Each structure stands twice: as C-alpha cells, then as structure tokens.
Amino acid sequence: MNEEIINRLKQKLEKVIEVFKEDLATIRTGRAKPDLVENVLIEAYGGKMKLFEVANISAPDPSLITVTPWDKSLVKNIEKAISESQLQLSTNVSGDMIRIPVPALTQERRQDL
C-alpha cells in the first residue's frame, strides 16, 4: 500500500516538474530563444496546433526569432496568434518567414518577472 502511494506521488511530482520546466522556458531573459514561442496555439487545419508542430523556429541572433511555416498558407494565422499572445511581441512578415524581434528587458519588466 505504501509503495502504491509513493508511486502515485512520484507521478504527480513528475508532472509538476514538467510544467515548471515549461514555465521556465517561457521566461524572457532579454535573449531570443525558440522556446519562447513554440507553444503558441495556431489555428490550423480546422483546430488548434502548437507553433512547433507547424513551423521551423530558430533564433539566428540574440535579439531575433524566425518562424518559417512548412505550409505557407499558415503565415497569417501564425502572425495573428503571436501578436495576440500574452508574450507582447510584434511580428514582421517577409515573404514566407516571420521575424520576431525580442526587445531587451526594461527594469520594470525585470521586476515583474
């Protein structure tokens, strides 16, 4: 019986740790990193999908994230979802690539985080 309880607690704690890791990945540190936008939900193919499921995401330099969708018809949906997300990021579309400049953190934002 004790072993069963311990196993259930381990499973719950593993889930908590996983959620915590996901939360840490979305903290803005002033550097661009793909983890910041990979879980943004996109309207695609009649449902909602995470951005990393429909596009290639990269950070070619410390202040820029680029998103290149595999299906070019999703560019507008991706742009809209990122702009409307809680991340407060702006987007620039050039052809079939979406550029997301990541501004440096202000003192106010650092304190909020």
C-alpha atoms as a PDB file:
ATOM      1  CA  MET A   1       0.000   0.000   0.000  1.00  0.00           C
ATOM      2  CA  ASN A   2       2.764   2.453   0.889  1.00  0.00           C
ATOM      3  CA  GLU A   3       4.553   1.639  -2.348  1.00  0.00           C
ATOM      4  CA  GLU A   4       1.386   2.431  -4.322  1.00  0.00           C
ATOM      5  CA  ILE A   5       1.065   5.802  -2.628  1.00  0.00           C
ATOM      6  CA  ILE A   6       4.716   6.588  -3.286  1.00  0.00           C
ATOM      7  CA  ASN A   7       4.355   5.673  -6.967  1.00  0.00           C
ATOM      8  CA  ARG A   8       1.307   7.929  -7.344  1.00  0.00           C
ATOM      9  CA  LEU A   9       3.137  10.795  -5.647  1.00  0.00           C
ATOM     10  CA  LYS A  10       6.154  10.294  -7.917  1.00  0.00           C
ATOM     11  CA  GLN A  11       3.921  10.501 -10.994  1.00  0.00           C
ATOM     12  CA  LYS A  12       2.263  13.689  -9.757  1.00  0.00           C
ATOM     13  CA  LEU A  13       5.598  15.272  -8.887  1.00  0.00           C
ATOM     14  CA  GLU A  14       6.995  14.408 -12.315  1.00  0.00           C
ATOM     15  CA  LYS A  15       4.040  16.227 -13.901  1.00  0.00           C
ATOM     16  CA  VAL A  16       4.624  19.250 -11.657  1.00  0.00           C
ATOM     17  CA  ILE A  17       8.307  19.317 -12.601  1.00  0.00           C
ATOM     18  CA  GLU A  18       7.434  19.116 -16.305  1.00  0.00           C
ATOM     19  CA  VAL A  19       5.004  22.042 -16.042  1.00  0.00           C
ATOM     20  CA  PHE A  20       7.590  24.019 -14.085  1.00  0.00           C
ATOM     21  CA  LYS A  21      10.203  23.380 -16.807  1.00  0.00           C
ATOM     22  CA  GLU A  22       7.756  24.606 -19.453  1.00  0.00           C
ATOM     23  CA  ASP A  23       7.097  27.745 -17.409  1.00  0.00           C
ATOM     24  CA  LEU A  24      10.811  28.409 -17.023  1.00  0.00           C
ATOM     25  CA  ALA A  25      11.299  28.066 -20.766  1.00  0.00           C
ATOM     26  CA  THR A  26       8.888  30.921 -21.427  1.00  0.00           C
ATOM     27  CA  ILE A  27      10.572  33.436 -19.135  1.00  0.00           C
ATOM     28  CA  ARG A  28      12.001  36.251 -21.176  1.00  0.00           C
ATOM     29  CA  THR A  29      15.619  36.876 -20.348  1.00  0.00           C
ATOM     30  CA  GLY A  30      16.263  39.503 -22.990  1.00  0.00           C
ATOM     31  CA  ARG A  31      17.636  36.850 -25.359  1.00  0.00           C
ATOM     32  CA  ALA A  32      15.702  35.356 -28.194  1.00  0.00           C
ATOM     33  CA  LYS A  33      15.095  31.640 -27.828  1.00  0.00           C
ATOM     34  CA  PRO A  34      12.711  29.391 -29.761  1.00  0.00           C
ATOM     35  CA  ASP A  35      11.160  28.044 -26.534  1.00  0.00           C
ATOM     36  CA  LEU A  36       9.570  31.440 -26.053  1.00  0.00           C
ATOM     37  CA  VAL A  37       7.050  30.937 -28.879  1.00  0.00           C
ATOM     38  CA  GLU A  38       6.985  27.209 -29.581  1.00  0.00           C
ATOM     39  CA  ASN A  39       3.802  26.565 -27.574  1.00  0.00           C
ATOM     40  CA  VAL A  40       1.736  29.428 -29.018  1.00  0.00           C
ATOM     41  CA  LEU A  41      -1.527  27.930 -30.296  1.00  0.00           C
ATOM     42  CA  ILE A  42      -2.200  28.421 -34.012  1.00  0.00           C
ATOM     43  CA  GLU A  43      -5.477  27.987 -35.899  1.00  0.00           C
ATOM     44  CA  ALA A  44      -4.524  25.309 -38.413  1.00  0.00           C
ATOM     45  CA  TYR A  45      -6.313  22.576 -40.314  1.00  0.00           C
ATOM     46  CA  GLY A  46      -9.622  23.059 -38.516  1.00  0.00           C
ATOM     47  CA  GLY A  47      -8.191  23.026 -34.998  1.00  0.00           C
ATOM     48  CA  LYS A  48      -5.533  24.415 -32.705  1.00  0.00           C
ATOM     49  CA  MET A  49      -1.919  23.316 -33.023  1.00  0.00           C
ATOM     50  CA  LYS A  50       1.247  24.397 -31.264  1.00  0.00           C
ATOM     51  CA  LEU A  51       3.595  26.522 -33.339  1.00  0.00           C
ATOM     52  CA  PHE A  52       6.422  23.980 -33.250  1.00  0.00           C
ATOM     53  CA  GLU A  53       4.058  21.450 -34.889  1.00  0.00           C
ATOM     54  CA  VAL A  54       3.549  23.604 -37.996  1.00  0.00           C
ATOM     55  CA  ALA A  55       6.798  25.541 -38.413  1.00  0.00           C
ATOM     56  CA  ASN A  56      10.539  25.655 -38.034  1.00  0.00           C
ATOM     57  CA  ILE A  57      11.543  28.048 -35.237  1.00  0.00           C
ATOM     58  CA  SER A  58      15.061  29.391 -34.814  1.00  0.00           C
ATOM     59  CA  ALA A  59      16.988  32.194 -33.139  1.00  0.00           C
ATOM     60  CA  PRO A  60      19.722  33.300 -35.563  1.00  0.00           C
ATOM     61  CA  ASP A  61      20.913  36.037 -33.206  1.00  0.00           C
ATOM     62  CA  PRO A  62      20.272  37.077 -29.580  1.00  0.00           C
ATOM     63  CA  SER A  63      17.536  39.566 -30.465  1.00  0.00           C
ATOM     64  CA  LEU A  64      15.581  37.767 -33.201  1.00  0.00           C
ATOM     65  CA  ILE A  65      13.380  34.688 -33.545  1.00  0.00           C
ATOM     66  CA  THR A  66      12.444  33.483 -37.020  1.00  0.00           C
ATOM     67  CA  VAL A  67       9.476  31.272 -37.837  1.00  0.00           C
ATOM     68  CA  THR A  68       9.194  29.516 -41.192  1.00  0.00           C
ATOM     69  CA  PRO A  69       5.938  27.572 -41.578  1.00  0.00           C
ATOM     70  CA  TRP A  70       6.019  24.343 -43.529  1.00  0.00           C
ATOM     71  CA  ASP A  71       2.660  25.252 -45.060  1.00  0.00           C
ATOM     72  CA  LYS A  72       2.929  28.796 -46.421  1.00  0.00           C
ATOM     73  CA  SER A  73      -0.839  29.322 -46.107  1.00  0.00           C
ATOM     74  CA  LEU A  74      -0.432  29.473 -42.304  1.00  0.00           C
ATOM     75  CA  VAL A  75       1.706  32.641 -42.262  1.00  0.00           C
ATOM     76  CA  LYS A  76      -1.231  34.955 -41.459  1.00  0.00           C
ATOM     77  CA  ASN A  77      -2.566  32.619 -38.739  1.00  0.00           C
ATOM     78  CA  ILE A  78       0.864  32.388 -37.125  1.00  0.00           C
ATOM     79  CA  GLU A  79       1.361  36.150 -37.257  1.00  0.00           C
ATOM     80  CA  LYS A  80      -2.057  36.710 -35.673  1.00  0.00           C
ATOM     81  CA  ALA A  81      -1.538  34.139 -32.907  1.00  0.00           C
ATOM     82  CA  ILE A  82       1.852  35.552 -31.901  1.00  0.00           C
ATOM     83  CA  SER A  83       0.575  39.128 -31.929  1.00  0.00           C
ATOM     84  CA  GLU A  84      -2.440  38.183 -29.779  1.00  0.00           C
ATOM     85  CA  SER A  85      -0.472  36.032 -27.334  1.00  0.00           C
ATOM     86  CA  GLN A  86       0.432  37.151 -23.827  1.00  0.00           C
ATOM     87  CA  LEU A  87       4.075  37.435 -24.904  1.00  0.00           C
ATOM     88  CA  GLN A  88       3.603  41.023 -26.091  1.00  0.00           C
ATOM     89  CA  LEU A  89       5.806  40.502 -29.141  1.00  0.00           C
ATOM     90  CA  SER A  90       5.440  42.157 -32.518  1.00  0.00           C
ATOM     91  CA  THR A  91       5.948  40.364 -35.825  1.00  0.00           C
ATOM     92  CA  ASN A  92       7.368  41.296 -39.215  1.00  0.00           C
ATOM     93  CA  VAL A  93       6.427  39.160 -42.205  1.00  0.00           C
ATOM     94  CA  SER A  94       8.805  38.980 -45.134  1.00  0.00           C
ATOM     95  CA  GLY A  95       7.666  36.513 -47.765  1.00  0.00           C
ATOM     96  CA  ASP A  96       7.072  33.187 -46.077  1.00  0.00           C
ATOM     97  CA  MET A  97       9.185  33.965 -42.997  1.00  0.00           C
ATOM     98  CA  ILE A  98       8.019  35.653 -39.812  1.00  0.00           C
ATOM     99  CA  ARG A  99      10.603  37.655 -37.897  1.00  0.00           C
ATOM    100  CA  ILE A 100      10.021  38.362 -34.226  1.00  0.00           C
ATOM    101  CA  PRO A 101      12.350  40.955 -32.720  1.00  0.00           C
ATOM    102  CA  VAL A 102      12.863  40.365 -28.997  1.00  0.00           C
ATOM    103  CA  PRO A 103      13.429  43.675 -27.227  1.00  0.00           C
ATOM    104  CA  ALA A 104      15.796  43.981 -24.283  1.00  0.00           C
ATOM    105  CA  LEU A 105      14.126  43.773 -20.897  1.00  0.00           C
ATOM    106  CA  THR A 106      13.344  47.009 -19.112  1.00  0.00           C
ATOM    107  CA  GLN A 107      13.833  47.443 -15.380  1.00  0.00           C
ATOM    108  CA  GLU A 108      10.035  47.356 -14.882  1.00  0.00           C
ATOM    109  CA  ARG A 109       9.680  44.090 -16.766  1.00  0.00           C
ATOM    110  CA  ARG A 110      12.546  42.511 -14.826  1.00  0.00           C
ATOM    111  CA  GLN A 111      10.831  43.378 -11.566  1.00  0.00           C
ATOM    112  CA  ASP A 112       7.540  41.945 -12.848  1.00  0.00           C
ATOM    113  CA  LEU A 113       9.220  38.671 -13.718  1.00  0.00           C
END
